Amino acid sequence: MPFLTSPVLPAGALARAPQPAIASGDGLVLRPWRAADAPAVHAAFQDPLMHRFHGKSCESEAEAAGWITEWQGLWAGERQAQWAVADADGDALLGRVALRQIELGDGTAEIAYWTVAGARGRGVAARAAAALTRWAFEEIGFHRLELMHSTANEASCRVARKAGYAAEGTRRSAFLHPDGWHDMHLHARVRGD
């Protein structure tokens, strides 16, 4: 059965070119992951706060290396895209930002992020989310990006607002965390906001 509308983004909208590095313009660079990032990823996941709001743990540098290999391969499949967030001057790993749940035909994706403990309180997540959002709208042509976080994660709510994501509502009991089911705030930006 034919669709009555054309795809917002064609297949290949991402994979037709290598995954880019994206400069934030304010001291950060979003860059493809490197094998050498494994020790820093493992260290980031030893932080107890990461365990509170993230669904995974990382038991070893070898496990982190496996994640990085997986993240590096996601670009070609155009369903997810993962970037390391690094300091533009020294290349120190500050976090991760990603597009998940990519639906090219609908022009939609979900943005996700985390930061290492030492980068918190410096606006890293908001700046990285804003840079990725600009790129997704202006360079690729996405129509809508969503951002979700636990209602208990007030810091992520601040990140969403600083990155220009309007609150749209609450998804009740929508994500299972280690301490049980959490309600999730839904924020979104639409191209042109």
Protein backbone atom coordinates (compact mmCIF):
# COMPACT_ATOMS: atom_id res chain seq x y z
CA MET A 1 0.00 0.00 0.00
CA PRO A 2 1.60 3.33 -0.98
CA PHE A 3 2.10 6.13 1.51
CA LEU A 4 0.32 9.43 0.88
CA THR A 5 3.36 11.43 2.01
CA SER A 6 7.02 11.32 1.06
CA PRO A 7 9.69 10.41 3.62
CA VAL A 8 10.99 13.39 5.56
CA LEU A 9 14.53 12.00 5.22
CA PRO A 10 15.56 9.41 2.64
CA ALA A 11 17.47 6.25 3.45
CA GLY A 12 21.15 7.19 3.41
CA ALA A 13 20.57 10.64 4.92
CA LEU A 14 23.17 9.75 7.56
CA ALA A 15 25.18 6.86 6.15
CA ARG A 16 25.95 8.48 2.77
CA ALA A 17 28.90 10.19 4.48
CA PRO A 18 31.23 9.27 7.36
CA GLN A 19 30.02 10.21 10.84
CA PRO A 20 31.11 13.81 11.38
CA ALA A 21 32.75 15.55 14.29
CA ILE A 22 30.51 18.42 15.40
CA ALA A 23 32.01 21.51 17.05
CA SER A 24 29.75 23.11 19.64
CA GLY A 25 31.38 26.50 19.20
CA ASP A 26 31.87 26.82 22.96
CA GLY A 27 34.71 24.47 23.83
CA LEU A 28 33.22 21.05 23.09
CA VAL A 29 33.52 18.68 20.18
CA LEU A 30 31.15 15.79 19.48
CA ARG A 31 33.32 13.21 17.77
CA PRO A 32 33.04 9.58 16.75
CA TRP A 33 34.10 7.13 19.43
CA ARG A 34 37.66 5.76 19.49
CA ALA A 35 38.94 2.50 20.94
CA ALA A 36 41.18 4.58 23.24
CA ASP A 37 38.05 5.93 24.98
CA ALA A 38 37.34 2.58 26.68
CA PRO A 39 39.11 3.33 30.00
CA ALA A 40 37.28 6.65 30.35
CA VAL A 41 33.89 5.05 29.55
CA HIS A 42 34.52 2.34 32.13
CA ALA A 43 35.53 4.95 34.72
CA ALA A 44 32.39 7.01 33.98
CA PHE A 45 30.17 4.03 34.75
CA GLN A 46 31.74 3.53 38.18
CA ASP A 47 29.96 6.70 39.35
CA PRO A 48 26.96 5.85 41.60
CA LEU A 49 24.86 8.61 40.01
CA MET A 50 25.24 6.88 36.64
CA HIS A 51 23.70 3.76 38.19
CA ARG A 52 20.72 5.74 39.44
CA PHE A 53 19.55 7.07 36.07
CA HIS A 54 21.18 4.83 33.47
CA GLY A 55 19.96 1.35 32.63
CA LYS A 56 23.40 -0.24 32.23
CA SER A 57 26.51 -0.95 34.25
CA CYS A 58 30.00 -1.43 32.88
CA GLU A 59 32.08 -4.08 34.60
CA SER A 60 35.38 -3.73 32.75
CA GLU A 61 37.37 -1.80 30.19
CA ALA A 62 36.88 -4.77 27.85
CA GLU A 63 33.11 -4.35 28.14
CA ALA A 64 33.46 -0.62 27.43
CA ALA A 65 35.59 -1.46 24.39
CA GLY A 66 32.81 -3.74 23.15
CA TRP A 67 30.28 -0.92 23.53
CA ILE A 68 32.54 1.42 21.57
CA THR A 69 32.86 -1.12 18.76
CA GLU A 70 29.07 -1.38 18.68
CA TRP A 71 28.64 2.42 18.76
CA GLN A 72 31.09 2.81 15.88
CA GLY A 73 29.00 0.45 13.76
CA LEU A 74 25.61 2.05 14.43
CA TRP A 75 26.08 4.96 12.02
CA ALA A 76 25.74 2.77 8.93
CA GLY A 77 22.44 1.29 10.15
CA GLU A 78 20.86 4.75 10.60
CA ARG A 79 18.83 3.69 13.67
CA GLN A 80 21.22 5.21 16.24
CA ALA A 81 24.19 7.53 16.21
CA GLN A 82 26.54 7.93 19.16
CA TRP A 83 29.16 10.60 19.78
CA ALA A 84 31.83 11.08 22.42
CA VAL A 85 31.63 14.55 23.97
CA ALA A 86 35.17 15.81 24.42
CA ASP A 87 36.94 18.97 25.46
CA ALA A 88 37.89 20.74 22.22
CA ASP A 89 41.32 21.70 23.56
CA GLY A 90 42.58 18.62 25.38
CA ASP A 91 40.24 15.93 23.98
CA ALA A 92 39.37 14.71 27.50
CA LEU A 93 36.18 12.63 27.48
CA LEU A 94 33.37 14.59 29.14
CA GLY A 95 30.39 12.45 28.17
CA ARG A 96 28.24 10.99 25.44
CA VAL A 97 25.41 12.31 23.29
CA ALA A 98 23.31 10.24 20.93
CA LEU A 99 20.40 10.10 18.57
CA ARG A 100 18.34 6.99 19.31
CA GLN A 101 15.09 5.64 17.91
CA ILE A 102 15.89 7.27 14.56
CA GLU A 103 13.00 7.12 12.10
CA LEU A 104 14.26 8.73 8.91
CA GLY A 105 10.92 8.49 7.12
CA ASP A 106 9.23 10.46 9.90
CA GLY A 107 12.23 12.73 10.47
CA THR A 108 12.27 11.92 14.19
CA ALA A 109 14.75 10.74 16.81
CA GLU A 110 15.33 10.78 20.56
CA ILE A 111 18.34 12.59 21.98
CA ALA A 112 20.16 11.04 24.94
CA TYR A 113 23.27 11.98 26.90
CA TRP A 114 25.39 11.37 29.97
CA THR A 115 28.37 13.16 31.44
CA VAL A 116 31.34 12.02 33.49
CA ALA A 117 31.22 13.07 37.13
CA GLY A 118 33.93 15.72 36.71
CA ALA A 119 32.02 17.45 33.91
CA ARG A 120 28.76 17.94 35.80
CA GLY A 121 27.65 21.46 36.68
CA ARG A 122 29.56 22.96 33.72
CA GLY A 123 26.73 22.91 31.16
CA VAL A 124 28.37 20.11 29.17
CA ALA A 125 25.18 18.06 28.63
CA ALA A 126 23.11 21.09 27.61
CA ARG A 127 25.80 22.39 25.25
CA ALA A 128 26.30 18.96 23.69
CA ALA A 129 22.54 18.45 23.28
CA ALA A 130 22.18 21.91 21.73
CA ALA A 131 25.04 21.28 19.28
CA LEU A 132 23.65 17.90 18.22
CA THR A 133 20.17 19.41 17.87
CA ARG A 134 21.44 22.21 15.61
CA TRP A 135 23.28 19.70 13.44
CA ALA A 136 20.28 17.33 13.24
CA PHE A 137 17.90 20.12 12.19
CA GLU A 138 20.16 22.31 10.05
CA GLU A 139 22.55 19.82 8.43
CA ILE A 140 20.40 16.70 8.13
CA GLY A 141 16.82 18.02 8.15
CA PHE A 142 15.17 16.15 11.03
CA HIS A 143 11.67 17.41 11.84
CA ARG A 144 11.28 16.51 15.56
CA LEU A 145 13.64 15.47 18.35
CA GLU A 146 12.45 14.14 21.69
CA LEU A 147 14.27 14.01 25.02
CA MET A 148 13.09 11.90 27.97
CA HIS A 149 14.36 11.68 31.52
CA SER A 150 13.20 10.35 34.86
CA THR A 151 11.00 12.80 36.74
CA ALA A 152 13.40 12.25 39.65
CA ASN A 153 16.32 13.56 37.57
CA GLU A 154 16.01 17.31 38.06
CA ALA A 155 19.41 17.96 36.49
CA SER A 156 18.25 16.41 33.21
CA CYS A 157 15.14 18.57 33.30
CA ARG A 158 17.41 21.63 33.50
CA VAL A 159 19.49 20.28 30.60
CA ALA A 160 16.36 19.86 28.46
CA ARG A 161 15.20 23.42 29.15
CA LYS A 162 18.66 24.92 28.52
CA ALA A 163 18.88 23.03 25.21
CA GLY A 164 15.51 24.49 24.16
CA TYR A 165 13.38 21.37 24.61
CA ALA A 166 9.82 22.24 25.66
CA ALA A 167 8.10 20.06 28.25
CA GLU A 168 5.25 18.11 26.67
CA GLY A 169 4.09 15.81 29.43
CA THR A 170 4.79 12.81 31.61
CA ARG A 171 4.90 9.19 30.49
CA ARG A 172 3.76 7.26 33.56
CA SER A 173 5.79 4.26 34.72
CA ALA A 174 7.67 4.28 31.41
CA PHE A 175 11.23 3.16 32.26
CA LEU A 176 12.52 0.50 34.62
CA HIS A 177 15.48 1.74 36.68
CA PRO A 178 17.36 -0.32 39.28
CA ASP A 179 15.08 1.09 42.02
CA GLY A 180 11.84 0.42 40.12
CA TRP A 181 9.61 2.00 37.50
CA HIS A 182 10.07 5.72 36.91
CA ASP A 183 7.72 8.23 35.37
CA MET A 184 9.49 9.99 32.50
CA HIS A 185 9.25 13.63 31.48
CA LEU A 186 8.90 14.09 27.72
CA HIS A 187 10.45 17.19 26.14
CA ALA A 188 10.70 17.93 22.43
CA ARG A 189 11.92 20.37 19.83
CA VAL A 190 10.50 20.76 16.37
CA ARG A 191 12.50 22.17 13.49
CA GLY A 192 11.92 25.92 13.47
CA ASP A 193 11.44 26.24 17.27
